[in-house]
């Protein structure tokens, strides 16, 4: 299985759970968020997992993973993360 297919298989359940959890939690209307977009190029899934886990330790939550074309035309995934502003 190639990287793109592996990411799709892993990301669909993750994104579905984020939607479900987001619908079932209380929302603080005064919450302020900061966002960042991260591209890991064609890194293997183990490196992406490690990087995302590292971001989670810093308070970031994955909110989306979007397929993009890199400047050199390769298929990549852009990860959108958010965390509360301090």
Foldseek 3Di string as FASTA:
>chain_A
DAQVVVCVVPVVVVQVVVVVVVVPDDDDPPWDKDKDKDWPDRDHPVVVVVVVVVVVVVAKDWNDWAWDADPVGDITIITMIMGTDD
